[in-house]
């Protein structure tokens, strides 16, 4: 299957009403934190409830979710009143937006699932700069979406750690190079005289050669 068209591209800005009816703007990358946007078929259904609650629990219990300070946003085509009921009933700590006209689904190229029978269940992992890094589309496997985000966070953290290590090694190499380039070779000669200055050792004359030292 070909990759989603938004992968490695800037994620679209979303302007939709939240569960309180307040219009909010979700601009990926503006907070400097990673973002997971999950589109789901319908609030209150079994699979969608399980999915939303899995994100709720991850924000509370998962160390990498807490460490990364990832932001979560849920979106479905349900009315604001339905979203309000859904959030309140399950204590969801993130905004759940009402995309009644399908504007956000269109912007994110979210297609229908199950051969067009239902709305798609698609999760976007967006990095701290607002770039879509990966996308998971799966209507049936609702439990996989939080795992997908967790794995993406782990990979992002590992990549950031590797970049820092490489940067540190680069600094160390440059420091060594800089130190080496500032060494000078100084020749030390014996005191000047009318000719080579001999040093007598057991009847043999040994002439002192210049010696070198690093400074």
C-alpha atoms as a PDB file:
ATOM      1  CA  UNK A   1       0.000   0.000   0.000  1.00  0.00           C
ATOM      2  CA  UNK A   2       1.357   3.426  -0.919  1.00  0.00           C
ATOM      3  CA  UNK A   3       2.207   5.819   1.921  1.00  0.00           C
ATOM      4  CA  UNK A   4      -0.244   8.489   2.957  1.00  0.00           C
ATOM      5  CA  UNK A   5       0.210  11.680   0.872  1.00  0.00           C
ATOM      6  CA  UNK A   6       0.918  13.802   3.961  1.00  0.00           C
ATOM      7  CA  UNK A   7       3.876  11.743   5.217  1.00  0.00           C
ATOM      8  CA  UNK A   8       7.003  13.946   5.478  1.00  0.00           C
ATOM      9  CA  UNK A   9       4.901  17.026   4.753  1.00  0.00           C
ATOM     10  CA  UNK A  10       3.632  19.849   6.936  1.00  0.00           C
ATOM     11  CA  UNK A  11       0.427  18.892   8.742  1.00  0.00           C
ATOM     12  CA  UNK A  12      -2.610  21.065   7.942  1.00  0.00           C
ATOM     13  CA  UNK A  13      -3.959  23.500  10.516  1.00  0.00           C
ATOM     14  CA  UNK A  14      -7.372  22.547  11.917  1.00  0.00           C
ATOM     15  CA  UNK A  15     -10.066  25.026  12.965  1.00  0.00           C
ATOM     16  CA  UNK A  16     -13.083  23.273  14.479  1.00  0.00           C
ATOM     17  CA  UNK A  17     -15.407  23.512  17.504  1.00  0.00           C
ATOM     18  CA  UNK A  18     -14.385  21.433  20.507  1.00  0.00           C
ATOM     19  CA  UNK A  19     -16.630  19.575  22.921  1.00  0.00           C
ATOM     20  CA  UNK A  20     -17.610  22.869  24.581  1.00  0.00           C
ATOM     21  CA  UNK A  21     -18.614  24.463  21.305  1.00  0.00           C
ATOM     22  CA  UNK A  22     -15.582  26.745  21.353  1.00  0.00           C
ATOM     23  CA  UNK A  23     -13.772  27.137  18.049  1.00  0.00           C
ATOM     24  CA  UNK A  24     -10.178  26.083  18.466  1.00  0.00           C
ATOM     25  CA  UNK A  25      -7.193  26.185  16.145  1.00  0.00           C
ATOM     26  CA  UNK A  26      -4.852  23.215  16.085  1.00  0.00           C
ATOM     27  CA  UNK A  27      -1.644  24.330  14.386  1.00  0.00           C
ATOM     28  CA  UNK A  28       0.852  21.436  14.446  1.00  0.00           C
ATOM     29  CA  UNK A  29       4.347  22.474  15.509  1.00  0.00           C
ATOM     30  CA  UNK A  30       3.279  25.766  17.097  1.00  0.00           C
ATOM     31  CA  UNK A  31       3.790  24.469  20.642  1.00  0.00           C
ATOM     32  CA  UNK A  32       7.099  22.782  19.911  1.00  0.00           C
ATOM     33  CA  UNK A  33       5.665  19.454  21.092  1.00  0.00           C
ATOM     34  CA  UNK A  34       4.744  16.283  19.189  1.00  0.00           C
ATOM     35  CA  UNK A  35       1.090  15.818  18.324  1.00  0.00           C
ATOM     36  CA  UNK A  36      -1.146  12.821  17.654  1.00  0.00           C
ATOM     37  CA  UNK A  37      -4.372  13.509  15.765  1.00  0.00           C
ATOM     38  CA  UNK A  38      -6.734  10.550  15.661  1.00  0.00           C
ATOM     39  CA  UNK A  39      -9.775  10.489  13.419  1.00  0.00           C
ATOM     40  CA  UNK A  40     -12.382   7.932  14.458  1.00  0.00           C
ATOM     41  CA  UNK A  41     -15.832   6.888  13.159  1.00  0.00           C
ATOM     42  CA  UNK A  42     -18.235   7.823  15.963  1.00  0.00           C
ATOM     43  CA  UNK A  43     -18.232   8.876  19.590  1.00  0.00           C
ATOM     44  CA  UNK A  44     -19.786   6.419  22.030  1.00  0.00           C
ATOM     45  CA  UNK A  45     -19.307   3.285  19.935  1.00  0.00           C
ATOM     46  CA  UNK A  46     -17.383   0.380  21.452  1.00  0.00           C
ATOM     47  CA  UNK A  47     -14.180   0.581  19.420  1.00  0.00           C
ATOM     48  CA  UNK A  48     -13.991   4.369  19.442  1.00  0.00           C
ATOM     49  CA  UNK A  49     -14.501   4.469  23.194  1.00  0.00           C
ATOM     50  CA  UNK A  50     -11.726   1.924  23.692  1.00  0.00           C
ATOM     51  CA  UNK A  51      -9.412   3.911  21.440  1.00  0.00           C
ATOM     52  CA  UNK A  52     -10.072   7.263  23.111  1.00  0.00           C
ATOM     53  CA  UNK A  53      -9.673   5.773  26.587  1.00  0.00           C
ATOM     54  CA  UNK A  54      -6.393   4.124  25.601  1.00  0.00           C
ATOM     55  CA  UNK A  55      -4.993   7.561  24.763  1.00  0.00           C
ATOM     56  CA  UNK A  56      -6.373   8.914  28.036  1.00  0.00           C
ATOM     57  CA  UNK A  57      -4.651   6.156  30.002  1.00  0.00           C
ATOM     58  CA  UNK A  58      -1.371   6.534  28.101  1.00  0.00           C
ATOM     59  CA  UNK A  59      -1.215  10.227  28.940  1.00  0.00           C
ATOM     60  CA  UNK A  60      -1.619   9.314  32.587  1.00  0.00           C
ATOM     61  CA  UNK A  61       0.482   6.156  32.882  1.00  0.00           C
ATOM     62  CA  UNK A  62       2.996   5.941  30.027  1.00  0.00           C
ATOM     63  CA  UNK A  63       6.401   7.412  30.849  1.00  0.00           C
ATOM     64  CA  UNK A  64       7.244   8.197  27.250  1.00  0.00           C
ATOM     65  CA  UNK A  65       3.906   9.947  26.712  1.00  0.00           C
ATOM     66  CA  UNK A  66       4.575  12.066  29.792  1.00  0.00           C
ATOM     67  CA  UNK A  67       8.255  12.618  28.999  1.00  0.00           C
ATOM     68  CA  UNK A  68       7.553  13.769  25.444  1.00  0.00           C
ATOM     69  CA  UNK A  69       4.633  16.002  26.515  1.00  0.00           C
ATOM     70  CA  UNK A  70       2.782  14.833  23.430  1.00  0.00           C
ATOM     71  CA  UNK A  71      -0.533  16.509  22.673  1.00  0.00           C
ATOM     72  CA  UNK A  72      -3.561  14.429  21.659  1.00  0.00           C
ATOM     73  CA  UNK A  73      -6.557  15.540  19.595  1.00  0.00           C
ATOM     74  CA  UNK A  74      -9.565  13.399  18.684  1.00  0.00           C
ATOM     75  CA  UNK A  75     -11.819  14.171  15.719  1.00  0.00           C
ATOM     76  CA  UNK A  76     -15.093  12.684  14.470  1.00  0.00           C
ATOM     77  CA  UNK A  77     -18.119  13.889  12.561  1.00  0.00           C
ATOM     78  CA  UNK A  78     -20.340  13.924  15.654  1.00  0.00           C
ATOM     79  CA  UNK A  79     -22.138  17.060  16.807  1.00  0.00           C
ATOM     80  CA  UNK A  80     -20.707  19.197  19.612  1.00  0.00           C
ATOM     81  CA  UNK A  81     -23.322  17.906  22.081  1.00  0.00           C
ATOM     82  CA  UNK A  82     -22.285  14.316  21.364  1.00  0.00           C
ATOM     83  CA  UNK A  83     -18.607  15.177  21.814  1.00  0.00           C
ATOM     84  CA  UNK A  84     -19.382  16.865  25.134  1.00  0.00           C
ATOM     85  CA  UNK A  85     -21.187  13.776  26.388  1.00  0.00           C
ATOM     86  CA  UNK A  86     -18.341  11.537  25.196  1.00  0.00           C
ATOM     87  CA  UNK A  87     -15.624  13.614  26.903  1.00  0.00           C
ATOM     88  CA  UNK A  88     -17.500  13.987  30.173  1.00  0.00           C
ATOM     89  CA  UNK A  89     -18.531  10.350  30.412  1.00  0.00           C
ATOM     90  CA  UNK A  90     -14.998   9.029  29.970  1.00  0.00           C
ATOM     91  CA  UNK A  91     -12.964  11.864  31.495  1.00  0.00           C
ATOM     92  CA  UNK A  92     -10.966  12.540  28.346  1.00  0.00           C
ATOM     93  CA  UNK A  93      -8.191  15.075  29.084  1.00  0.00           C
ATOM     94  CA  UNK A  94      -7.715  16.184  25.470  1.00  0.00           C
ATOM     95  CA  UNK A  95      -9.881  18.125  23.016  1.00  0.00           C
ATOM     96  CA  UNK A  96     -12.397  16.187  20.936  1.00  0.00           C
ATOM     97  CA  UNK A  97     -13.393  18.178  17.885  1.00  0.00           C
ATOM     98  CA  UNK A  98     -16.607  18.142  15.869  1.00  0.00           C
ATOM     99  CA  UNK A  99     -15.929  17.785  12.145  1.00  0.00           C
ATOM    100  CA  UNK A 100     -19.588  17.708  11.105  1.00  0.00           C
ATOM    101  CA  UNK A 101     -18.867  18.961   7.587  1.00  0.00           C
ATOM    102  CA  UNK A 102     -15.852  16.739   7.019  1.00  0.00           C
ATOM    103  CA  UNK A 103     -13.477  19.687   6.520  1.00  0.00           C
ATOM    104  CA  UNK A 104     -10.668  18.202   8.596  1.00  0.00           C
ATOM    105  CA  UNK A 105     -11.060  14.748   7.048  1.00  0.00           C
ATOM    106  CA  UNK A 106     -10.702  16.289   3.634  1.00  0.00           C
ATOM    107  CA  UNK A 107      -7.647  18.347   4.643  1.00  0.00           C
ATOM    108  CA  UNK A 108      -5.967  15.227   6.069  1.00  0.00           C
ATOM    109  CA  UNK A 109      -7.077  12.933   3.214  1.00  0.00           C
ATOM    110  CA  UNK A 110      -8.903  10.571   5.567  1.00  0.00           C
ATOM    111  CA  UNK A 111     -10.886   8.087   3.486  1.00  0.00           C
ATOM    112  CA  UNK A 112     -13.768   5.864   4.495  1.00  0.00           C
ATOM    113  CA  UNK A 113     -12.986   2.427   5.912  1.00  0.00           C
ATOM    114  CA  UNK A 114     -14.286  -1.114   5.485  1.00  0.00           C
ATOM    115  CA  UNK A 115     -14.938  -0.691   1.765  1.00  0.00           C
ATOM    116  CA  UNK A 116     -16.765   2.567   2.341  1.00  0.00           C
ATOM    117  CA  UNK A 117     -19.136   1.199   4.958  1.00  0.00           C
ATOM    118  CA  UNK A 118     -17.866   3.374   7.816  1.00  0.00           C
ATOM    119  CA  UNK A 119     -15.776   6.459   8.418  1.00  0.00           C
ATOM    120  CA  UNK A 120     -12.052   5.815   8.554  1.00  0.00           C
ATOM    121  CA  UNK A 121     -10.030   5.370  11.725  1.00  0.00           C
ATOM    122  CA  UNK A 122      -6.721   7.096  11.034  1.00  0.00           C
ATOM    123  CA  UNK A 123      -4.015   8.377  13.393  1.00  0.00           C
ATOM    124  CA  UNK A 124      -1.354  10.897  12.438  1.00  0.00           C
ATOM    125  CA  UNK A 125       1.913  11.213  14.352  1.00  0.00           C
ATOM    126  CA  UNK A 126       3.263  14.732  13.881  1.00  0.00           C
ATOM    127  CA  UNK A 127       6.656  15.818  15.189  1.00  0.00           C
ATOM    128  CA  UNK A 128       7.467  18.940  17.206  1.00  0.00           C
ATOM    129  CA  UNK A 129       8.125  20.894  13.997  1.00  0.00           C
ATOM    130  CA  UNK A 130       4.692  20.110  12.563  1.00  0.00           C
ATOM    131  CA  UNK A 131       5.791  17.466  10.062  1.00  0.00           C
ATOM    132  CA  UNK A 132       3.732  14.298   9.596  1.00  0.00           C
ATOM    133  CA  UNK A 133       6.155  11.469  10.381  1.00  0.00           C
ATOM    134  CA  UNK A 134       3.846   8.477  10.068  1.00  0.00           C
ATOM    135  CA  UNK A 135       0.197   7.492   9.628  1.00  0.00           C
ATOM    136  CA  UNK A 136      -1.809   4.461  10.741  1.00  0.00           C
ATOM    137  CA  UNK A 137      -5.115   3.569   9.097  1.00  0.00           C
ATOM    138  CA  UNK A 138      -7.069   0.729  10.693  1.00  0.00           C
ATOM    139  CA  UNK A 139     -10.777   0.658  11.473  1.00  0.00           C
ATOM    140  CA  UNK A 140     -10.898  -2.767  13.096  1.00  0.00           C
ATOM    141  CA  UNK A 141      -7.688  -2.686  15.142  1.00  0.00           C
ATOM    142  CA  UNK A 142      -8.620   0.215  17.396  1.00  0.00           C
ATOM    143  CA  UNK A 143      -6.140  -0.924  20.062  1.00  0.00           C
ATOM    144  CA  UNK A 144      -3.224  -0.514  17.651  1.00  0.00           C
ATOM    145  CA  UNK A 145      -3.461   3.257  17.439  1.00  0.00           C
ATOM    146  CA  UNK A 146      -2.047   4.064  20.862  1.00  0.00           C
ATOM    147  CA  UNK A 147       0.684   1.451  20.293  1.00  0.00           C
ATOM    148  CA  UNK A 148       1.491   3.131  16.990  1.00  0.00           C
ATOM    149  CA  UNK A 149       1.948   6.493  18.711  1.00  0.00           C
ATOM    150  CA  UNK A 150       4.037   4.956  21.497  1.00  0.00           C
ATOM    151  CA  UNK A 151       6.360   3.327  18.969  1.00  0.00           C
ATOM    152  CA  UNK A 152       6.652   6.584  17.032  1.00  0.00           C
ATOM    153  CA  UNK A 153       7.607   8.416  20.222  1.00  0.00           C
ATOM    154  CA  UNK A 154      10.243   5.792  21.040  1.00  0.00           C
ATOM    155  CA  UNK A 155      11.744   6.054  17.567  1.00  0.00           C
ATOM    156  CA  UNK A 156      11.707   9.836  17.732  1.00  0.00           C
ATOM    157  CA  UNK A 157      13.390   9.806  21.136  1.00  0.00           C
ATOM    158  CA  UNK A 158      16.036   7.339  19.959  1.00  0.00           C
ATOM    159  CA  UNK A 159      16.749   9.434  16.874  1.00  0.00           C
ATOM    160  CA  UNK A 160      17.090  12.575  18.980  1.00  0.00           C
ATOM    161  CA  UNK A 161      19.454  10.774  21.357  1.00  0.00           C
ATOM    162  CA  UNK A 162      21.580   9.548  18.469  1.00  0.00           C
ATOM    163  CA  UNK A 163      21.758  13.053  17.035  1.00  0.00           C
ATOM    164  CA  UNK A 164      22.904  14.464  20.374  1.00  0.00           C
ATOM    165  CA  UNK A 165      25.547  11.761  20.707  1.00  0.00           C
ATOM    166  CA  UNK A 166      26.844  12.460  17.207  1.00  0.00           C
ATOM    167  CA  UNK A 167      26.923  16.171  17.946  1.00  0.00           C
ATOM    168  CA  UNK A 168      28.881  15.579  21.159  1.00  0.00           C
ATOM    169  CA  UNK A 169      31.375  13.354  19.345  1.00  0.00           C
ATOM    170  CA  UNK A 170      31.800  16.062  16.727  1.00  0.00           C
ATOM    171  CA  UNK A 171      32.601  18.635  19.397  1.00  0.00           C
ATOM    172  CA  UNK A 172      35.130  16.291  21.005  1.00  0.00           C
ATOM    173  CA  UNK A 173      36.823  15.644  17.654  1.00  0.00           C
ATOM    174  CA  UNK A 174      37.021  19.364  16.930  1.00  0.00           C
ATOM    175  CA  UNK A 175      38.473  20.066  20.373  1.00  0.00           C
ATOM    176  CA  UNK A 176      41.185  17.454  19.838  1.00  0.00           C
ATOM    177  CA  UNK A 177      41.918  18.823  16.380  1.00  0.00           C
ATOM    178  CA  UNK A 178      42.092  22.361  17.712  1.00  0.00           C
ATOM    179  CA  UNK A 179      44.450  21.306  20.516  1.00  0.00           C
ATOM    180  CA  UNK A 180      46.693  19.417  18.092  1.00  0.00           C
ATOM    181  CA  UNK A 181      46.915  22.326  15.666  1.00  0.00           C
ATOM    182  CA  UNK A 182      48.192  24.606  18.413  1.00  0.00           C
ATOM    183  CA  UNK A 183      51.216  22.458  19.200  1.00  0.00           C
ATOM    184  CA  UNK A 184      54.534  23.794  17.876  1.00  0.00           C
ATOM    185  CA  UNK A 185      57.766  21.930  17.442  1.00  0.00           C
ATOM    186  CA  UNK A 186      60.699  23.722  19.031  1.00  0.00           C
ATOM    187  CA  UNK A 187      64.247  22.572  18.374  1.00  0.00           C
ATOM    188  CA  UNK A 188      66.597  22.852  21.292  1.00  0.00           C
ATOM    189  CA  UNK A 189      70.241  23.169  20.339  1.00  0.00           C
ATOM    190  CA  UNK A 190      73.250  22.747  22.564  1.00  0.00           C
ATOM    191  CA  UNK A 191      75.064  25.971  23.497  1.00  0.00           C
ATOM    192  CA  UNK A 192      76.783  27.512  20.495  1.00  0.00           C
ATOM    193  CA  UNK A 193      80.535  27.101  20.255  1.00  0.00           C
ATOM    194  CA  UNK A 194      83.360  26.933  17.775  1.00  0.00           C
ATOM    195  CA  UNK A 195      82.216  23.506  16.640  1.00  0.00           C
ATOM    196  CA  UNK A 196      80.171  20.491  17.704  1.00  0.00           C
ATOM    197  CA  UNK A 197      80.139  20.124  21.426  1.00  0.00           C
ATOM    198  CA  UNK A 198      81.308  16.646  22.340  1.00  0.00           C
ATOM    199  CA  UNK A 199      80.124  14.658  25.237  1.00  0.00           C
ATOM    200  CA  UNK A 200      82.692  12.096  26.353  1.00  0.00           C
ATOM    201  CA  UNK A 201      81.448   8.729  27.421  1.00  0.00           C
ATOM    202  CA  UNK A 202      84.057   6.095  28.196  1.00  0.00           C
ATOM    203  CA  UNK A 203      86.511   7.464  25.671  1.00  0.00           C
ATOM    204  CA  UNK A 204      83.994   7.944  22.886  1.00  0.00           C
ATOM    205  CA  UNK A 205      82.923  11.337  21.716  1.00  0.00           C
ATOM    206  CA  UNK A 206      79.160  11.697  21.192  1.00  0.00           C
ATOM    207  CA  UNK A 207      78.002  14.902  19.560  1.00  0.00           C
ATOM    208  CA  UNK A 208      74.778  16.330  20.870  1.00  0.00           C
ATOM    209  CA  UNK A 209      72.047  16.602  18.257  1.00  0.00           C
ATOM    210  CA  UNK A 210      69.197  19.060  18.440  1.00  0.00           C
ATOM    211  CA  UNK A 211      66.205  17.767  20.378  1.00  0.00           C
ATOM    212  CA  UNK A 212      62.581  18.558  19.748  1.00  0.00           C
ATOM    213  CA  UNK A 213      59.711  19.171  22.113  1.00  0.00           C
ATOM    214  CA  UNK A 214      56.043  20.042  21.703  1.00  0.00           C
ATOM    215  CA  UNK A 215      54.701  23.220  23.217  1.00  0.00           C
END
